[in-house]
């Protein structure tokens, strides 16, 4: 089985990432998935064995979603997404009611963010929540949420 190439953008540079660094870089908004054109150029310039850039982006999201060294869970109480290690999953799900993120959650984040952006006077708490929403939306957009389930 050939290894999957994780190509991400960090500090406006596109690089190959090793599997066990991908989630942390995405979670802390250090890295993102490059645009179609950025990827196309990177693949061509580096002569990588990737034929179809659009398919690669879908495969990239699918493979990111299959990474299993941390689990992505949503905490309803703090309204935040966390990376959870294997040994903490049972506790977080059964005791703290953490849940797997899905399309409904992403839609909720987007609608809430849109409502906050339309508001003229935000409280300090709303400003912080808006930052959290942006971080969570950016992070979840790097996944195929159907694969996470």
Foldseek 3Di string as FASTA:
>chain_A
DDDQWQWWAAPNDIDTDDLVCVLVCLLVVRIAHDDLVVVVCVCVVVVPPDDDSVVSLVVNQLVNLPRDQWAWWAQPVVRAIDTHGPVCPCCCCPPRVIHQDAPVSLVVLVVLLVVLVPDDDDDPVSVVVNVRSVSRNRSPVSHPSVSND
